[in-house]
Structures are given as structure tokens and as C-alpha cells.
């Protein structure tokens, strides 16, 4: 059954198979949500609330007027990931695990101590919940990187030229996600040192998280046959 689905995905026309159209739409929806996530939060906070500055991290938007939108978008991503059924049990397990981590990010808010602003005037620090949030966020990006580096790059004995290009893009996206995770960890370790304190005004965590989300979204859009499609 899984082999049949894989063959359909590689060779059949999406105009002939409604089930395949739905399957590709699922992938594209995940990709669009990933790319739109940080953009919608920033624009929404400016339009609907008093926050005109970018927050220190994407997770910080949970504590702003964008809380409901933040949770709603993550729940939508989780729902699509739970619905994702790949070619074998590994794909399905990875989708379910990513969905669980996405829910963890949504419902275990990050701790916010500094820098504070008119959007978040008071520090919010719960060590246990903050730790669960960090674990969930790191786990989510690691599983998404696994999708790009391992699952999406699977190929047959004679991959097409476009498939080879897609695999290159998947790997680039996967390594970008891993690199962003590493840099966020490095910044978390050194942020209290003088050298890293000067970086706070540039909101490095927000931009690294956004870059990781854009890489994730681009990877899934490509898997949905939006880019480098076979003739």
C-alpha cells in the first residue's frame, strides 16, 4: 500500500487523482503556515495591538495580544502534522511526534525576563513550564529537520533531475534548521556575557526562529510539488 502511494506520488498526474491532490495540498498547507507564522504575528501585533517593535523571540508573542493567534497557528500546524501519513511508519511517527511538540510549544509558554517592553511590561518566569517549552521547540525543529534531511530525500534507483534538485533543497533547509537551533543554544549560553548583551537589541532569537520556520515551510512547499516539479 505504501509502495503504491509512493509510485503515485512520483509518476501520476495530480489532475487525475483526487486523493493525491488532497495529499499535496496538505503538504503545501503545512509549508504556507510555517512561512506565514512569524510574518502574521509581527503584522498582527502592529495592526491589532500596541506592539510596534519585534519581540525577542517568536514564543514571546504568546504573552502579547497575539496569544490566541499564536496558539491557533501552532494548533493548525499540529493538526496537519497529525494528519500527515507518509510512505511508512517512520513518516507517520515523525509526523505525530512533530505534532505533539507543536502542541507543547503552544500550551507551555516561554519564560520572559528581559528585555521587557510595553507589550510585556512584567517578567513572566516559570522554570518548569519554560523548560517544557524549550524542549518542545527544540524537539519540533529537530523532527522537522529529520523530515527534510532523511525522509524527504529518499529516492529510487533512478531519480529524476528535478528530484535531485529537490533533494539538494531539502538538505539545505534541514541544515539551516539545525544551524539555527545550534546558534540559539549558543546565544542562550552566552547571552549574559558582555559580548552577547550587545546582540539583544537585534532580537537574534526571533530572526533565527523565523529563518528556521521559513526553511521548514520551503521544504514542505517543495514536497507539495510547488518547486522543481517533474515534467
C-alpha atoms as a PDB file:
ATOM      1  CA  UNK A   1       0.000   0.000   0.000  1.00  0.00           C
ATOM      2  CA  UNK A   2       2.778   2.406   0.947  1.00  0.00           C
ATOM      3  CA  UNK A   3       4.753   1.487  -2.151  1.00  0.00           C
ATOM      4  CA  UNK A   4       1.703   2.139  -4.311  1.00  0.00           C
ATOM      5  CA  UNK A   5       1.281   5.588  -2.757  1.00  0.00           C
ATOM      6  CA  UNK A   6       4.935   6.366  -3.350  1.00  0.00           C
ATOM      7  CA  UNK A   7       4.691   5.374  -7.008  1.00  0.00           C
ATOM      8  CA  UNK A   8       1.567   7.506  -7.420  1.00  0.00           C
ATOM      9  CA  UNK A   9       3.311  10.462  -5.797  1.00  0.00           C
ATOM     10  CA  UNK A  10       6.251  10.211  -8.191  1.00  0.00           C
ATOM     11  CA  UNK A  11       4.586   9.462 -11.534  1.00  0.00           C
ATOM     12  CA  UNK A  12       0.869  10.233 -11.602  1.00  0.00           C
ATOM     13  CA  UNK A  13      -0.734  13.477 -12.673  1.00  0.00           C
ATOM     14  CA  UNK A  14      -2.378  15.404  -9.849  1.00  0.00           C
ATOM     15  CA  UNK A  15      -5.258  16.271 -12.178  1.00  0.00           C
ATOM     16  CA  UNK A  16      -6.164  12.587 -12.476  1.00  0.00           C
ATOM     17  CA  UNK A  17      -6.054  11.506  -8.828  1.00  0.00           C
ATOM     18  CA  UNK A  18      -8.180  13.500  -6.333  1.00  0.00           C
ATOM     19  CA  UNK A  19      -6.572  11.695  -3.376  1.00  0.00           C
ATOM     20  CA  UNK A  20      -3.134  12.863  -4.498  1.00  0.00           C
ATOM     21  CA  UNK A  21      -4.380  16.434  -4.872  1.00  0.00           C
ATOM     22  CA  UNK A  22      -5.560  16.330  -1.265  1.00  0.00           C
ATOM     23  CA  UNK A  23      -2.253  14.837  -0.122  1.00  0.00           C
ATOM     24  CA  UNK A  24      -0.190  17.504  -1.862  1.00  0.00           C
ATOM     25  CA  UNK A  25      -2.491  20.233  -0.540  1.00  0.00           C
ATOM     26  CA  UNK A  26      -1.778  19.003   2.992  1.00  0.00           C
ATOM     27  CA  UNK A  27       1.949  19.420   2.454  1.00  0.00           C
ATOM     28  CA  UNK A  28       1.519  22.847   0.888  1.00  0.00           C
ATOM     29  CA  UNK A  29      -0.709  23.959   3.764  1.00  0.00           C
ATOM     30  CA  UNK A  30       1.948  23.000   6.297  1.00  0.00           C
ATOM     31  CA  UNK A  31       4.553  24.899   4.291  1.00  0.00           C
ATOM     32  CA  UNK A  32       2.427  28.027   3.965  1.00  0.00           C
ATOM     33  CA  UNK A  33       1.661  28.076   7.693  1.00  0.00           C
ATOM     34  CA  UNK A  34       5.354  27.721   8.538  1.00  0.00           C
ATOM     35  CA  UNK A  35       6.371  30.613   6.281  1.00  0.00           C
ATOM     36  CA  UNK A  36       3.474  32.839   7.332  1.00  0.00           C
ATOM     37  CA  UNK A  37       3.798  32.214  11.088  1.00  0.00           C
ATOM     38  CA  UNK A  38       6.343  34.928  12.081  1.00  0.00           C
ATOM     39  CA  UNK A  39       5.044  37.395   9.482  1.00  0.00           C
ATOM     40  CA  UNK A  40       1.441  37.157  10.691  1.00  0.00           C
ATOM     41  CA  UNK A  41       2.493  37.606  14.327  1.00  0.00           C
ATOM     42  CA  UNK A  42       4.548  40.728  13.636  1.00  0.00           C
ATOM     43  CA  UNK A  43       1.985  42.356  11.355  1.00  0.00           C
ATOM     44  CA  UNK A  44      -0.885  41.387  13.646  1.00  0.00           C
ATOM     45  CA  UNK A  45       0.786  42.850  16.712  1.00  0.00           C
ATOM     46  CA  UNK A  46       1.232  46.169  14.916  1.00  0.00           C
ATOM     47  CA  UNK A  47      -2.276  46.290  13.475  1.00  0.00           C
ATOM     48  CA  UNK A  48      -4.241  44.930  16.445  1.00  0.00           C
ATOM     49  CA  UNK A  49      -2.177  45.940  19.448  1.00  0.00           C
ATOM     50  CA  UNK A  50       0.230  48.496  20.874  1.00  0.00           C
ATOM     51  CA  UNK A  51       3.330  46.473  19.967  1.00  0.00           C
ATOM     52  CA  UNK A  52       5.233  48.128  17.167  1.00  0.00           C
ATOM     53  CA  UNK A  53       8.587  46.516  17.925  1.00  0.00           C
ATOM     54  CA  UNK A  54       9.626  42.961  17.132  1.00  0.00           C
ATOM     55  CA  UNK A  55       9.660  40.742  20.213  1.00  0.00           C
ATOM     56  CA  UNK A  56      12.775  38.987  21.481  1.00  0.00           C
ATOM     57  CA  UNK A  57      11.501  35.638  20.161  1.00  0.00           C
ATOM     58  CA  UNK A  58       8.515  34.217  18.334  1.00  0.00           C
ATOM     59  CA  UNK A  59       7.478  32.481  21.559  1.00  0.00           C
ATOM     60  CA  UNK A  60       7.282  35.880  23.282  1.00  0.00           C
ATOM     61  CA  UNK A  61       4.219  36.705  21.193  1.00  0.00           C
ATOM     62  CA  UNK A  62       2.274  34.300  23.397  1.00  0.00           C
ATOM     63  CA  UNK A  63       2.378  36.997  26.099  1.00  0.00           C
ATOM     64  CA  UNK A  64       1.112  39.751  23.767  1.00  0.00           C
ATOM     65  CA  UNK A  65      -2.269  40.423  22.185  1.00  0.00           C
ATOM     66  CA  UNK A  66      -1.315  37.806  19.583  1.00  0.00           C
ATOM     67  CA  UNK A  67      -1.671  34.937  22.084  1.00  0.00           C
ATOM     68  CA  UNK A  68      -4.795  33.418  20.508  1.00  0.00           C
ATOM     69  CA  UNK A  69      -3.344  33.670  17.019  1.00  0.00           C
ATOM     70  CA  UNK A  70      -0.029  32.197  18.204  1.00  0.00           C
ATOM     71  CA  UNK A  71      -1.774  29.188  19.770  1.00  0.00           C
ATOM     72  CA  UNK A  72      -4.202  28.828  16.869  1.00  0.00           C
ATOM     73  CA  UNK A  73      -1.492  28.720  14.202  1.00  0.00           C
ATOM     74  CA  UNK A  74       0.518  26.156  16.146  1.00  0.00           C
ATOM     75  CA  UNK A  75      -2.576  24.006  16.656  1.00  0.00           C
ATOM     76  CA  UNK A  76      -3.279  24.193  12.908  1.00  0.00           C
ATOM     77  CA  UNK A  77       0.285  23.098  12.130  1.00  0.00           C
ATOM     78  CA  UNK A  78      -0.047  20.281  14.689  1.00  0.00           C
ATOM     79  CA  UNK A  79      -3.343  19.148  13.131  1.00  0.00           C
ATOM     80  CA  UNK A  80      -1.802  18.956   9.668  1.00  0.00           C
ATOM     81  CA  UNK A  81       1.218  17.077  11.023  1.00  0.00           C
ATOM     82  CA  UNK A  82      -1.023  14.559  12.793  1.00  0.00           C
ATOM     83  CA  UNK A  83      -2.943  14.080   9.544  1.00  0.00           C
ATOM     84  CA  UNK A  84       0.262  13.521   7.569  1.00  0.00           C
ATOM     85  CA  UNK A  85       0.733   9.897   6.542  1.00  0.00           C
ATOM     86  CA  UNK A  86       3.979   9.123   4.777  1.00  0.00           C
ATOM     87  CA  UNK A  87       5.217   6.107   2.910  1.00  0.00           C
ATOM     88  CA  UNK A  88       5.858   4.019   6.019  1.00  0.00           C
ATOM     89  CA  UNK A  89       5.566   4.018   9.803  1.00  0.00           C
ATOM     90  CA  UNK A  90       8.650   6.211  10.221  1.00  0.00           C
ATOM     91  CA  UNK A  91       6.964   9.059   8.350  1.00  0.00           C
ATOM     92  CA  UNK A  92       3.767   8.674  10.365  1.00  0.00           C
ATOM     93  CA  UNK A  93       5.626   8.501  13.677  1.00  0.00           C
ATOM     94  CA  UNK A  94       7.679  11.588  12.802  1.00  0.00           C
ATOM     95  CA  UNK A  95       4.515  13.495  11.880  1.00  0.00           C
ATOM     96  CA  UNK A  96       2.808  12.549  15.143  1.00  0.00           C
ATOM     97  CA  UNK A  97       5.887  13.430  17.167  1.00  0.00           C
ATOM     98  CA  UNK A  98       6.200  16.818  15.450  1.00  0.00           C
ATOM     99  CA  UNK A  99       2.509  17.436  16.120  1.00  0.00           C
ATOM    100  CA  UNK A 100       2.965  16.715  19.821  1.00  0.00           C
ATOM    101  CA  UNK A 101       5.952  19.050  20.020  1.00  0.00           C
ATOM    102  CA  UNK A 102       3.964  21.780  18.232  1.00  0.00           C
ATOM    103  CA  UNK A 103       1.213  21.460  20.845  1.00  0.00           C
ATOM    104  CA  UNK A 104       3.857  21.647  23.566  1.00  0.00           C
ATOM    105  CA  UNK A 105       5.149  24.920  22.142  1.00  0.00           C
ATOM    106  CA  UNK A 106       1.574  26.245  22.025  1.00  0.00           C
ATOM    107  CA  UNK A 107       0.453  25.309  25.530  1.00  0.00           C
ATOM    108  CA  UNK A 108       3.687  25.603  27.532  1.00  0.00           C
ATOM    109  CA  UNK A 109       4.527  29.329  27.226  1.00  0.00           C
ATOM    110  CA  UNK A 110       8.096  30.537  27.272  1.00  0.00           C
ATOM    111  CA  UNK A 111       9.500  32.415  30.239  1.00  0.00           C
ATOM    112  CA  UNK A 112      10.193  36.103  29.586  1.00  0.00           C
ATOM    113  CA  UNK A 113      12.583  38.022  31.819  1.00  0.00           C
ATOM    114  CA  UNK A 114      14.305  40.511  29.508  1.00  0.00           C
ATOM    115  CA  UNK A 115      14.171  42.688  27.579  1.00  0.00           C
ATOM    116  CA  UNK A 116      10.705  43.909  28.635  1.00  0.00           C
ATOM    117  CA  UNK A 117       8.587  46.441  26.738  1.00  0.00           C
ATOM    118  CA  UNK A 118       5.129  47.979  26.651  1.00  0.00           C
ATOM    119  CA  UNK A 119       3.931  44.710  25.117  1.00  0.00           C
ATOM    120  CA  UNK A 120       5.259  42.626  28.035  1.00  0.00           C
ATOM    121  CA  UNK A 121       5.733  45.038  30.948  1.00  0.00           C
ATOM    122  CA  UNK A 122       6.145  42.399  33.662  1.00  0.00           C
ATOM    123  CA  UNK A 123       8.576  39.468  33.775  1.00  0.00           C
ATOM    124  CA  UNK A 124       6.962  36.052  33.354  1.00  0.00           C
ATOM    125  CA  UNK A 125       9.123  33.279  34.711  1.00  0.00           C
ATOM    126  CA  UNK A 126       8.006  29.704  35.395  1.00  0.00           C
ATOM    127  CA  UNK A 127      11.037  27.453  35.290  1.00  0.00           C
ATOM    128  CA  UNK A 128       9.198  24.156  34.750  1.00  0.00           C
ATOM    129  CA  UNK A 129       6.840  25.410  32.038  1.00  0.00           C
ATOM    130  CA  UNK A 130       9.634  27.384  30.407  1.00  0.00           C
ATOM    131  CA  UNK A 131      11.792  24.244  30.288  1.00  0.00           C
ATOM    132  CA  UNK A 132       8.960  22.228  28.732  1.00  0.00           C
ATOM    133  CA  UNK A 133       8.519  24.970  26.141  1.00  0.00           C
ATOM    134  CA  UNK A 134      12.212  24.939  25.257  1.00  0.00           C
ATOM    135  CA  UNK A 135      12.249  21.119  24.960  1.00  0.00           C
ATOM    136  CA  UNK A 136       9.141  21.193  22.777  1.00  0.00           C
ATOM    137  CA  UNK A 137      10.534  23.893  20.489  1.00  0.00           C
ATOM    138  CA  UNK A 138      13.899  22.160  20.095  1.00  0.00           C
ATOM    139  CA  UNK A 139      12.185  18.809  19.526  1.00  0.00           C
ATOM    140  CA  UNK A 140       9.880  20.298  16.898  1.00  0.00           C
ATOM    141  CA  UNK A 141      12.710  21.773  14.856  1.00  0.00           C
ATOM    142  CA  UNK A 142      14.791  18.589  15.180  1.00  0.00           C
ATOM    143  CA  UNK A 143      11.950  16.430  13.864  1.00  0.00           C
ATOM    144  CA  UNK A 144      11.272  18.894  11.046  1.00  0.00           C
ATOM    145  CA  UNK A 145      14.972  18.813  10.149  1.00  0.00           C
ATOM    146  CA  UNK A 146      14.733  14.993  10.144  1.00  0.00           C
ATOM    147  CA  UNK A 147      11.889  15.260   7.635  1.00  0.00           C
ATOM    148  CA  UNK A 148      13.996  17.421   5.324  1.00  0.00           C
ATOM    149  CA  UNK A 149      17.305  15.585   5.670  1.00  0.00           C
ATOM    150  CA  UNK A 150      16.138  11.966   5.821  1.00  0.00           C
ATOM    151  CA  UNK A 151      12.523  11.383   4.854  1.00  0.00           C
ATOM    152  CA  UNK A 152      12.099  13.867   2.009  1.00  0.00           C
ATOM    153  CA  UNK A 153      15.415  12.911   0.380  1.00  0.00           C
ATOM    154  CA  UNK A 154      14.520   9.256  -0.144  1.00  0.00           C
ATOM    155  CA  UNK A 155      14.790   8.302  -3.784  1.00  0.00           C
ATOM    156  CA  UNK A 156      14.552   5.360  -6.128  1.00  0.00           C
ATOM    157  CA  UNK A 157      17.309   3.790  -8.162  1.00  0.00           C
ATOM    158  CA  UNK A 158      16.885   6.282 -10.998  1.00  0.00           C
ATOM    159  CA  UNK A 159      15.903   9.667  -9.539  1.00  0.00           C
ATOM    160  CA  UNK A 160      14.897  12.367 -11.983  1.00  0.00           C
ATOM    161  CA  UNK A 161      16.912  15.533 -12.482  1.00  0.00           C
ATOM    162  CA  UNK A 162      14.239  17.513 -10.634  1.00  0.00           C
ATOM    163  CA  UNK A 163      14.261  15.007  -7.763  1.00  0.00           C
ATOM    164  CA  UNK A 164      17.997  15.538  -7.327  1.00  0.00           C
ATOM    165  CA  UNK A 165      17.413  19.294  -7.223  1.00  0.00           C
ATOM    166  CA  UNK A 166      14.642  18.868  -4.669  1.00  0.00           C
ATOM    167  CA  UNK A 167      16.900  16.723  -2.509  1.00  0.00           C
ATOM    168  CA  UNK A 168      19.559  19.424  -2.562  1.00  0.00           C
ATOM    169  CA  UNK A 169      16.981  21.989  -1.448  1.00  0.00           C
ATOM    170  CA  UNK A 170      15.683  19.650   1.291  1.00  0.00           C
ATOM    171  CA  UNK A 171      19.191  19.239   2.667  1.00  0.00           C
ATOM    172  CA  UNK A 172      19.855  22.975   2.605  1.00  0.00           C
ATOM    173  CA  UNK A 173      16.612  23.574   4.524  1.00  0.00           C
ATOM    174  CA  UNK A 174      17.425  20.824   7.012  1.00  0.00           C
ATOM    175  CA  UNK A 175      20.908  22.163   7.705  1.00  0.00           C
ATOM    176  CA  UNK A 176      19.527  25.693   8.086  1.00  0.00           C
ATOM    177  CA  UNK A 177      17.124  24.429  10.763  1.00  0.00           C
ATOM    178  CA  UNK A 178      19.896  22.588  12.603  1.00  0.00           C
ATOM    179  CA  UNK A 179      22.182  25.609  12.335  1.00  0.00           C
ATOM    180  CA  UNK A 180      19.504  27.907  13.756  1.00  0.00           C
ATOM    181  CA  UNK A 181      18.943  25.554  16.698  1.00  0.00           C
ATOM    182  CA  UNK A 182      22.682  25.494  17.384  1.00  0.00           C
ATOM    183  CA  UNK A 183      23.008  29.273  17.230  1.00  0.00           C
ATOM    184  CA  UNK A 184      20.003  29.760  19.538  1.00  0.00           C
ATOM    185  CA  UNK A 185      21.578  27.374  22.053  1.00  0.00           C
ATOM    186  CA  UNK A 186      24.891  29.197  21.770  1.00  0.00           C
ATOM    187  CA  UNK A 187      23.193  32.545  22.292  1.00  0.00           C
ATOM    188  CA  UNK A 188      21.295  31.181  25.299  1.00  0.00           C
ATOM    189  CA  UNK A 189      24.580  30.127  26.895  1.00  0.00           C
ATOM    190  CA  UNK A 190      26.418  33.395  26.314  1.00  0.00           C
ATOM    191  CA  UNK A 191      23.613  35.977  26.429  1.00  0.00           C
ATOM    192  CA  UNK A 192      24.544  37.127  29.939  1.00  0.00           C
ATOM    193  CA  UNK A 193      28.121  37.824  28.896  1.00  0.00           C
ATOM    194  CA  UNK A 194      29.112  41.272  27.763  1.00  0.00           C
ATOM    195  CA  UNK A 195      29.774  40.200  24.204  1.00  0.00           C
ATOM    196  CA  UNK A 196      26.283  38.779  23.740  1.00  0.00           C
ATOM    197  CA  UNK A 197      24.443  41.514  25.633  1.00  0.00           C
ATOM    198  CA  UNK A 198      25.042  43.863  22.722  1.00  0.00           C
ATOM    199  CA  UNK A 199      23.179  41.437  20.432  1.00  0.00           C
ATOM    200  CA  UNK A 200      19.894  41.684  22.348  1.00  0.00           C
ATOM    201  CA  UNK A 201      18.766  44.805  20.526  1.00  0.00           C
ATOM    202  CA  UNK A 202      18.842  42.860  17.248  1.00  0.00           C
ATOM    203  CA  UNK A 203      16.461  40.122  18.535  1.00  0.00           C
ATOM    204  CA  UNK A 204      18.661  37.266  17.298  1.00  0.00           C
ATOM    205  CA  UNK A 205      16.398  34.504  18.631  1.00  0.00           C
ATOM    206  CA  UNK A 206      13.388  35.876  16.759  1.00  0.00           C
ATOM    207  CA  UNK A 207      15.269  36.010  13.463  1.00  0.00           C
ATOM    208  CA  UNK A 208      16.860  32.590  13.908  1.00  0.00           C
ATOM    209  CA  UNK A 209      13.470  31.060  14.732  1.00  0.00           C
ATOM    210  CA  UNK A 210      11.935  32.825  11.725  1.00  0.00           C
ATOM    211  CA  UNK A 211      14.698  31.561   9.441  1.00  0.00           C
ATOM    212  CA  UNK A 212      14.164  28.012  10.720  1.00  0.00           C
ATOM    213  CA  UNK A 213      10.406  28.309  10.117  1.00  0.00           C
ATOM    214  CA  UNK A 214      10.943  29.651   6.603  1.00  0.00           C
ATOM    215  CA  UNK A 215      13.316  26.764   5.837  1.00  0.00           C
ATOM    216  CA  UNK A 216      10.734  24.325   7.199  1.00  0.00           C
ATOM    217  CA  UNK A 217       7.965  25.927   5.139  1.00  0.00           C
ATOM    218  CA  UNK A 218      10.036  25.974   1.941  1.00  0.00           C
ATOM    219  CA  UNK A 219      10.886  22.306   2.385  1.00  0.00           C
ATOM    220  CA  UNK A 220       7.233  21.306   2.754  1.00  0.00           C
ATOM    221  CA  UNK A 221       6.113  23.509  -0.131  1.00  0.00           C
ATOM    222  CA  UNK A 222       8.675  21.776  -2.299  1.00  0.00           C
ATOM    223  CA  UNK A 223       7.468  18.373  -1.108  1.00  0.00           C
ATOM    224  CA  UNK A 224       3.977  19.512  -2.108  1.00  0.00           C
ATOM    225  CA  UNK A 225       5.301  19.839  -5.669  1.00  0.00           C
ATOM    226  CA  UNK A 226       5.384  23.616  -5.732  1.00  0.00           C
ATOM    227  CA  UNK A 227       9.063  23.860  -6.722  1.00  0.00           C
ATOM    228  CA  UNK A 228      11.270  21.739  -9.016  1.00  0.00           C
ATOM    229  CA  UNK A 229       8.376  19.583 -10.176  1.00  0.00           C
ATOM    230  CA  UNK A 230       8.920  16.755 -12.631  1.00  0.00           C
ATOM    231  CA  UNK A 231       7.708  17.332 -16.176  1.00  0.00           C
END
